[in-house]
């Protein structure tokens, strides 16, 4: 499948220099690659400690109670 795509790109190129640029771009390493060709990972997501999780659960419960009151009242 890659060779078919490469052939289509080659056919669309205006000259040999364009074909070489296209091949260089096609076979270049991913842009997200860091030093040494290794991918750079995004930092891990922020984590909640137990008290933060309990506070979030209490907030959600309060919002849920508010919304339930609107539906039935």
PDB file of N, CA and C in Angstrom:
ATOM      1  N   UNK A   1       0.827  -1.184   0.000  1.00  0.00           N
ATOM      2  CA  UNK A   1       0.000   0.000   0.000  1.00  0.00           C
ATOM      3  C   UNK A   1       0.873   1.251   0.000  1.00  0.00           C
ATOM      4  N   UNK A   2       1.996   1.195   0.722  1.00  0.00           N
ATOM      5  CA  UNK A   2       2.892   2.344   0.756  1.00  0.00           C
ATOM      6  C   UNK A   2       3.502   2.587  -0.613  1.00  0.00           C
ATOM      7  N   UNK A   3       3.846   1.511  -1.331  1.00  0.00           N
ATOM      8  CA  UNK A   3       4.445   1.695  -2.648  1.00  0.00           C
ATOM      9  C   UNK A   3       3.429   2.292  -3.626  1.00  0.00           C
ATOM     10  N   UNK A   4       2.158   1.965  -3.484  1.00  0.00           N
ATOM     11  CA  UNK A   4       1.134   2.559  -4.342  1.00  0.00           C
ATOM     12  C   UNK A   4       1.001   4.048  -4.049  1.00  0.00           C
ATOM     13  N   UNK A   5       1.050   4.408  -2.771  1.00  0.00           N
ATOM     14  CA  UNK A   5       0.983   5.828  -2.407  1.00  0.00           C
ATOM     15  C   UNK A   5       2.222   6.558  -2.901  1.00  0.00           C
ATOM     16  N   UNK A   6       3.381   5.907  -2.769  1.00  0.00           N
ATOM     17  CA  UNK A   6       4.621   6.525  -3.241  1.00  0.00           C
ATOM     18  C   UNK A   6       4.579   6.729  -4.753  1.00  0.00           C
ATOM     19  N   UNK A   7       4.037   5.767  -5.479  1.00  0.00           N
ATOM     20  CA  UNK A   7       3.926   5.889  -6.931  1.00  0.00           C
ATOM     21  C   UNK A   7       2.998   7.043  -7.305  1.00  0.00           C
ATOM     22  N   UNK A   8       1.899   7.191  -6.591  1.00  0.00           N
ATOM     23  CA  UNK A   8       0.966   8.288  -6.869  1.00  0.00           C
ATOM     24  C   UNK A   8       1.613   9.637  -6.585  1.00  0.00           C
ATOM     25  N   UNK A   9       2.385   9.705  -5.496  1.00  0.00           N
ATOM     26  CA  UNK A   9       3.074  10.953  -5.160  1.00  0.00           C
ATOM     27  C   UNK A   9       4.131  11.262  -6.211  1.00  0.00           C
ATOM     28  N   UNK A  10       4.866  10.224  -6.655  1.00  0.00           N
ATOM     29  CA  UNK A  10       5.883  10.412  -7.695  1.00  0.00           C
ATOM     30  C   UNK A  10       5.258  10.906  -8.993  1.00  0.00           C
ATOM     31  N   UNK A  11       4.104  10.362  -9.342  1.00  0.00           N
ATOM     32  CA  UNK A  11       3.432  10.782 -10.576  1.00  0.00           C
ATOM     33  C   UNK A  11       3.003  12.244 -10.509  1.00  0.00           C
ATOM     34  N   UNK A  12       2.668  12.713  -9.319  1.00  0.00           N
ATOM     35  CA  UNK A  12       2.204  14.094  -9.167  1.00  0.00           C
ATOM     36  C   UNK A  12       3.360  15.089  -9.092  1.00  0.00           C
ATOM     37  N   UNK A  13       4.583  14.589  -8.876  1.00  0.00           N
ATOM     38  CA  UNK A  13       5.741  15.486  -8.756  1.00  0.00           C
ATOM     39  C   UNK A  13       6.062  16.118 -10.105  1.00  0.00           C
ATOM     40  N   UNK A  14       6.507  17.366 -10.045  1.00  0.00           N
ATOM     41  CA  UNK A  14       6.814  18.095 -11.277  1.00  0.00           C
ATOM     42  C   UNK A  14       8.184  17.741 -11.845  1.00  0.00           C
ATOM     43  N   UNK A  15       9.145  17.431 -10.982  1.00  0.00           N
ATOM     44  CA  UNK A  15      10.494  17.098 -11.439  1.00  0.00           C
ATOM     45  C   UNK A  15      11.160  16.150 -10.451  1.00  0.00           C
ATOM     46  N   UNK A  16      12.393  15.745 -10.768  1.00  0.00           N
ATOM     47  CA  UNK A  16      13.111  14.791  -9.917  1.00  0.00           C
ATOM     48  C   UNK A  16      13.391  15.366  -8.532  1.00  0.00           C
ATOM     49  N   UNK A  17      13.671  16.660  -8.450  1.00  0.00           N
ATOM     50  CA  UNK A  17      13.926  17.290  -7.153  1.00  0.00           C
ATOM     51  C   UNK A  17      12.686  17.204  -6.265  1.00  0.00           C
ATOM     52  N   UNK A  18      11.529  17.410  -6.845  1.00  0.00           N
ATOM     53  CA  UNK A  18      10.272  17.299  -6.087  1.00  0.00           C
ATOM     54  C   UNK A  18      10.060  15.863  -5.617  1.00  0.00           C
ATOM     55  N   UNK A  19      10.392  14.890  -6.476  1.00  0.00           N
ATOM     56  CA  UNK A  19      10.275  13.485  -6.077  1.00  0.00           C
ATOM     57  C   UNK A  19      11.172  13.185  -4.884  1.00  0.00           C
ATOM     58  N   UNK A  20      12.406  13.696  -4.894  1.00  0.00           N
ATOM     59  CA  UNK A  20      13.334  13.475  -3.782  1.00  0.00           C
ATOM     60  C   UNK A  20      12.814  14.119  -2.495  1.00  0.00           C
ATOM     61  N   UNK A  21      12.270  15.333  -2.592  1.00  0.00           N
ATOM     62  CA  UNK A  21      11.707  15.993  -1.408  1.00  0.00           C
ATOM     63  C   UNK A  21      10.528  15.196  -0.861  1.00  0.00           C
ATOM     64  N   UNK A  22       9.688  14.703  -1.760  1.00  0.00           N
ATOM     65  CA  UNK A  22       8.537  13.903  -1.334  1.00  0.00           C
ATOM     66  C   UNK A  22       8.983  12.629  -0.623  1.00  0.00           C
ATOM     67  N   UNK A  23       9.992  11.943  -1.168  1.00  0.00           N
ATOM     68  CA  UNK A  23      10.495  10.714  -0.536  1.00  0.00           C
ATOM     69  C   UNK A  23      11.099  11.013   0.828  1.00  0.00           C
ATOM     70  N   UNK A  24      11.849  12.120   0.916  1.00  0.00           N
ATOM     71  CA  UNK A  24      12.458  12.486   2.199  1.00  0.00           C
ATOM     72  C   UNK A  24      11.382  12.738   3.247  1.00  0.00           C
ATOM     73  N   UNK A  25      10.310  13.398   2.859  1.00  0.00           N
ATOM     74  CA  UNK A  25       9.216  13.672   3.797  1.00  0.00           C
ATOM     75  C   UNK A  25       8.452  12.394   4.148  1.00  0.00           C
ATOM     76  N   UNK A  26       8.265  11.532   3.150  1.00  0.00           N
ATOM     77  CA  UNK A  26       7.515  10.295   3.365  1.00  0.00           C
ATOM     78  C   UNK A  26       8.230   9.360   4.334  1.00  0.00           C
ATOM     79  N   UNK A  27       9.547   9.288   4.231  1.00  0.00           N
ATOM     80  CA  UNK A  27      10.309   8.349   5.057  1.00  0.00           C
ATOM     81  C   UNK A  27      10.993   9.012   6.245  1.00  0.00           C
ATOM     82  N   UNK A  28      10.676  10.260   6.523  1.00  0.00           N
ATOM     83  CA  UNK A  28      11.257  10.961   7.673  1.00  0.00           C
ATOM     84  C   UNK A  28      10.689  10.374   8.962  1.00  0.00           C
ATOM     85  N   UNK A  29      11.466  10.436  10.058  1.00  0.00           N
ATOM     86  CA  UNK A  29      10.936   9.956  11.341  1.00  0.00           C
ATOM     87  C   UNK A  29       9.776  10.840  11.793  1.00  0.00           C
ATOM     88  N   UNK A  30       8.922  10.337  12.662  1.00  0.00           N
ATOM     89  CA  UNK A  30       7.781  11.130  13.139  1.00  0.00           C
ATOM     90  C   UNK A  30       8.241  12.440  13.761  1.00  0.00           C
ATOM     91  N   UNK A  31       7.442  13.466  13.611  1.00  0.00           N
ATOM     92  CA  UNK A  31       7.809  14.784  14.137  1.00  0.00           C
ATOM     93  C   UNK A  31       7.829  14.808  15.660  1.00  0.00           C
ATOM     94  N   UNK A  32       7.103  13.919  16.288  1.00  0.00           N
ATOM     95  CA  UNK A  32       7.044  13.894  17.750  1.00  0.00           C
ATOM     96  C   UNK A  32       8.276  13.229  18.353  1.00  0.00           C
ATOM     97  N   UNK A  33       9.176  12.774  17.503  1.00  0.00           N
ATOM     98  CA  UNK A  33      10.364  12.095  18.018  1.00  0.00           C
ATOM     99  C   UNK A  33      11.273  13.096  18.719  1.00  0.00           C
ATOM    100  N   UNK A  34      11.743  12.722  19.874  1.00  0.00           N
ATOM    101  CA  UNK A  34      12.645  13.569  20.649  1.00  0.00           C
ATOM    102  C   UNK A  34      14.083  13.207  20.358  1.00  0.00           C
ATOM    103  N   UNK A  35      14.984  13.529  21.256  1.00  0.00           N
ATOM    104  CA  UNK A  35      16.391  13.212  21.053  1.00  0.00           C
ATOM    105  C   UNK A  35      16.611  11.707  20.950  1.00  0.00           C
ATOM    106  N   UNK A  36      17.435  11.313  20.023  1.00  0.00           N
ATOM    107  CA  UNK A  36      17.712   9.890  19.857  1.00  0.00           C
ATOM    108  C   UNK A  36      16.590   9.141  19.159  1.00  0.00           C
ATOM    109  N   UNK A  37      15.622   9.852  18.584  1.00  0.00           N
ATOM    110  CA  UNK A  37      14.521   9.208  17.884  1.00  0.00           C
ATOM    111  C   UNK A  37      13.445   8.660  18.792  1.00  0.00           C
ATOM    112  N   UNK A  38      13.542   8.922  20.084  1.00  0.00           N
ATOM    113  CA  UNK A  38      12.535   8.426  21.028  1.00  0.00           C
ATOM    114  C   UNK A  38      11.364   9.390  21.084  1.00  0.00           C
ATOM    115  N   UNK A  39      10.187   8.835  21.196  1.00  0.00           N
ATOM    116  CA  UNK A  39       8.994   9.678  21.304  1.00  0.00           C
ATOM    117  C   UNK A  39       8.948  10.332  22.677  1.00  0.00           C
ATOM    118  N   UNK A  40       8.510  11.566  22.677  1.00  0.00           N
ATOM    119  CA  UNK A  40       8.403  12.315  23.925  1.00  0.00           C
ATOM    120  C   UNK A  40       7.010  12.084  24.486  1.00  0.00           C
ATOM    121  N   UNK A  41       6.942  11.597  25.710  1.00  0.00           N
ATOM    122  CA  UNK A  41       5.649  11.349  26.345  1.00  0.00           C
ATOM    123  C   UNK A  41       5.139  12.615  27.003  1.00  0.00           C
ATOM    124  N   UNK A  42       3.836  12.842  26.921  1.00  0.00           N
ATOM    125  CA  UNK A  42       3.278  13.965  27.670  1.00  0.00           C
ATOM    126  C   UNK A  42       3.361  13.659  29.163  1.00  0.00           C
ATOM    127  N   UNK A  43       3.378  14.681  29.986  1.00  0.00           N
ATOM    128  CA  UNK A  43       3.439  14.423  31.426  1.00  0.00           C
ATOM    129  C   UNK A  43       2.187  13.676  31.879  1.00  0.00           C
ATOM    130  N   UNK A  44       2.302  12.848  32.918  1.00  0.00           N
ATOM    131  CA  UNK A  44       1.122  12.110  33.387  1.00  0.00           C
ATOM    132  C   UNK A  44       0.045  13.068  33.894  1.00  0.00           C
ATOM    133  N   UNK A  45      -1.176  12.617  33.794  1.00  0.00           N
ATOM    134  CA  UNK A  45      -2.301  13.443  34.230  1.00  0.00           C
ATOM    135  C   UNK A  45      -2.222  13.691  35.735  1.00  0.00           C
ATOM    136  N   UNK A  46      -2.764  14.815  36.141  1.00  0.00           N
ATOM    137  CA  UNK A  46      -2.780  15.141  37.573  1.00  0.00           C
ATOM    138  C   UNK A  46      -3.626  14.107  38.303  1.00  0.00           C
ATOM    139  N   UNK A  47      -3.176  13.721  39.460  1.00  0.00           N
ATOM    140  CA  UNK A  47      -3.896  12.711  40.240  1.00  0.00           C
ATOM    141  C   UNK A  47      -4.470  13.339  41.496  1.00  0.00           C
ATOM    142  N   UNK A  48      -5.593  12.800  41.909  1.00  0.00           N
ATOM    143  CA  UNK A  48      -6.243  13.268  43.132  1.00  0.00           C
ATOM    144  C   UNK A  48      -5.811  12.400  44.299  1.00  0.00           C
ATOM    145  N   UNK A  49      -5.594  13.034  45.425  1.00  0.00           N
ATOM    146  CA  UNK A  49      -5.389  12.240  46.631  1.00  0.00           C
ATOM    147  C   UNK A  49      -6.775  11.889  47.185  1.00  0.00           C
ATOM    148  N   UNK A  50      -6.819  11.166  48.278  1.00  0.00           N
ATOM    149  CA  UNK A  50      -8.100  10.691  48.806  1.00  0.00           C
ATOM    150  C   UNK A  50      -9.012  11.846  49.201  1.00  0.00           C
ATOM    151  N   UNK A  51      -8.467  12.872  49.837  1.00  0.00           N
ATOM    152  CA  UNK A  51      -9.321  13.987  50.262  1.00  0.00           C
ATOM    153  C   UNK A  51      -9.845  14.760  49.052  1.00  0.00           C
ATOM    154  N   UNK A  52      -9.038  14.892  48.019  1.00  0.00           N
ATOM    155  CA  UNK A  52      -9.498  15.567  46.805  1.00  0.00           C
ATOM    156  C   UNK A  52     -10.603  14.791  46.119  1.00  0.00           C
ATOM    157  N   UNK A  53     -10.469  13.469  46.093  1.00  0.00           N
ATOM    158  CA  UNK A  53     -11.496  12.629  45.483  1.00  0.00           C
ATOM    159  C   UNK A  53     -12.802  12.703  46.269  1.00  0.00           C
ATOM    160  N   UNK A  54     -12.699  12.704  47.600  1.00  0.00           N
ATOM    161  CA  UNK A  54     -13.903  12.799  48.424  1.00  0.00           C
ATOM    162  C   UNK A  54     -14.583  14.149  48.239  1.00  0.00           C
ATOM    163  N   UNK A  55     -13.802  15.218  48.118  1.00  0.00           N
ATOM    164  CA  UNK A  55     -14.383  16.542  47.896  1.00  0.00           C
ATOM    165  C   UNK A  55     -15.086  16.598  46.545  1.00  0.00           C
ATOM    166  N   UNK A  56     -14.480  15.989  45.529  1.00  0.00           N
ATOM    167  CA  UNK A  56     -15.102  15.960  44.210  1.00  0.00           C
ATOM    168  C   UNK A  56     -16.393  15.153  44.238  1.00  0.00           C
ATOM    169  N   UNK A  57     -16.390  14.019  44.933  1.00  0.00           N
ATOM    170  CA  UNK A  57     -17.605  13.209  45.050  1.00  0.00           C
ATOM    171  C   UNK A  57     -18.708  13.969  45.774  1.00  0.00           C
ATOM    172  N   UNK A  58     -18.360  14.725  46.809  1.00  0.00           N
ATOM    173  CA  UNK A  58     -19.355  15.513  47.538  1.00  0.00           C
ATOM    174  C   UNK A  58     -19.932  16.602  46.641  1.00  0.00           C
ATOM    175  N   UNK A  59     -19.072  17.231  45.851  1.00  0.00           N
ATOM    176  CA  UNK A  59     -19.536  18.278  44.939  1.00  0.00           C
ATOM    177  C   UNK A  59     -20.481  17.686  43.895  1.00  0.00           C
ATOM    178  N   UNK A  60     -20.131  16.535  43.347  1.00  0.00           N
ATOM    179  CA  UNK A  60     -20.997  15.896  42.358  1.00  0.00           C
ATOM    180  C   UNK A  60     -22.325  15.464  42.970  1.00  0.00           C
ATOM    181  N   UNK A  61     -22.284  14.966  44.193  1.00  0.00           N
ATOM    182  CA  UNK A  61     -23.522  14.566  44.868  1.00  0.00           C
ATOM    183  C   UNK A  61     -24.423  15.770  45.091  1.00  0.00           C
ATOM    184  N   UNK A  62     -23.843  16.908  45.465  1.00  0.00           N
ATOM    185  CA  UNK A  62     -24.631  18.125  45.678  1.00  0.00           C
ATOM    186  C   UNK A  62     -25.259  18.594  44.366  1.00  0.00           C
ATOM    187  N   UNK A  63     -24.485  18.557  43.285  1.00  0.00           N
ATOM    188  CA  UNK A  63     -25.032  18.954  41.984  1.00  0.00           C
ATOM    189  C   UNK A  63     -26.125  17.990  41.547  1.00  0.00           C
ATOM    190  N   UNK A  64     -25.927  16.705  41.795  1.00  0.00           N
ATOM    191  CA  UNK A  64     -26.924  15.706  41.435  1.00  0.00           C
ATOM    192  C   UNK A  64     -28.223  15.938  42.195  1.00  0.00           C
ATOM    193  N   UNK A  65     -28.110  16.261  43.472  1.00  0.00           N
ATOM    194  CA  UNK A  65     -29.286  16.542  44.295  1.00  0.00           C
ATOM    195  C   UNK A  65     -30.020  17.768  43.766  1.00  0.00           C
ATOM    196  N   UNK A  66     -29.256  18.789  43.390  1.00  0.00           N
ATOM    197  CA  UNK A  66     -29.867  20.000  42.831  1.00  0.00           C
ATOM    198  C   UNK A  66     -30.624  19.680  41.550  1.00  0.00           C
ATOM    199  N   UNK A  67     -29.991  18.926  40.667  1.00  0.00           N
ATOM    200  CA  UNK A  67     -30.632  18.598  39.396  1.00  0.00           C
ATOM    201  C   UNK A  67     -31.841  17.693  39.598  1.00  0.00           C
ATOM    202  N   UNK A  68     -31.767  16.768  40.524  1.00  0.00           N
ATOM    203  CA  UNK A  68     -32.901  15.880  40.795  1.00  0.00           C
ATOM    204  C   UNK A  68     -34.073  16.683  41.349  1.00  0.00           C
ATOM    205  N   UNK A  69     -33.808  17.694  42.156  1.00  0.00           N
ATOM    206  CA  UNK A  69     -34.859  18.545  42.701  1.00  0.00           C
ATOM    207  C   UNK A  69     -35.560  19.332  41.617  1.00  0.00           C
ATOM    208  N   UNK A  70     -34.836  19.731  40.598  1.00  0.00           N
ATOM    209  CA  UNK A  70     -35.440  20.483  39.490  1.00  0.00           C
ATOM    210  C   UNK A  70     -36.351  19.601  38.654  1.00  0.00           C
ATOM    211  N   UNK A  71     -35.982  18.335  38.498  1.00  0.00           N
ATOM    212  CA  UNK A  71     -36.778  17.429  37.668  1.00  0.00           C
ATOM    213  C   UNK A  71     -38.093  17.055  38.339  1.00  0.00           C
ATOM    214  N   UNK A  72     -38.058  16.852  39.648  1.00  0.00           N
ATOM    215  CA  UNK A  72     -39.266  16.382  40.337  1.00  0.00           C
ATOM    216  C   UNK A  72     -40.102  17.531  40.887  1.00  0.00           C
ATOM    217  N   UNK A  73     -39.484  18.689  41.071  1.00  0.00           N
ATOM    218  CA  UNK A  73     -40.207  19.775  41.726  1.00  0.00           C
ATOM    219  C   UNK A  73     -40.845  20.738  40.855  1.00  0.00           C
TER     220      UNK A  73
END
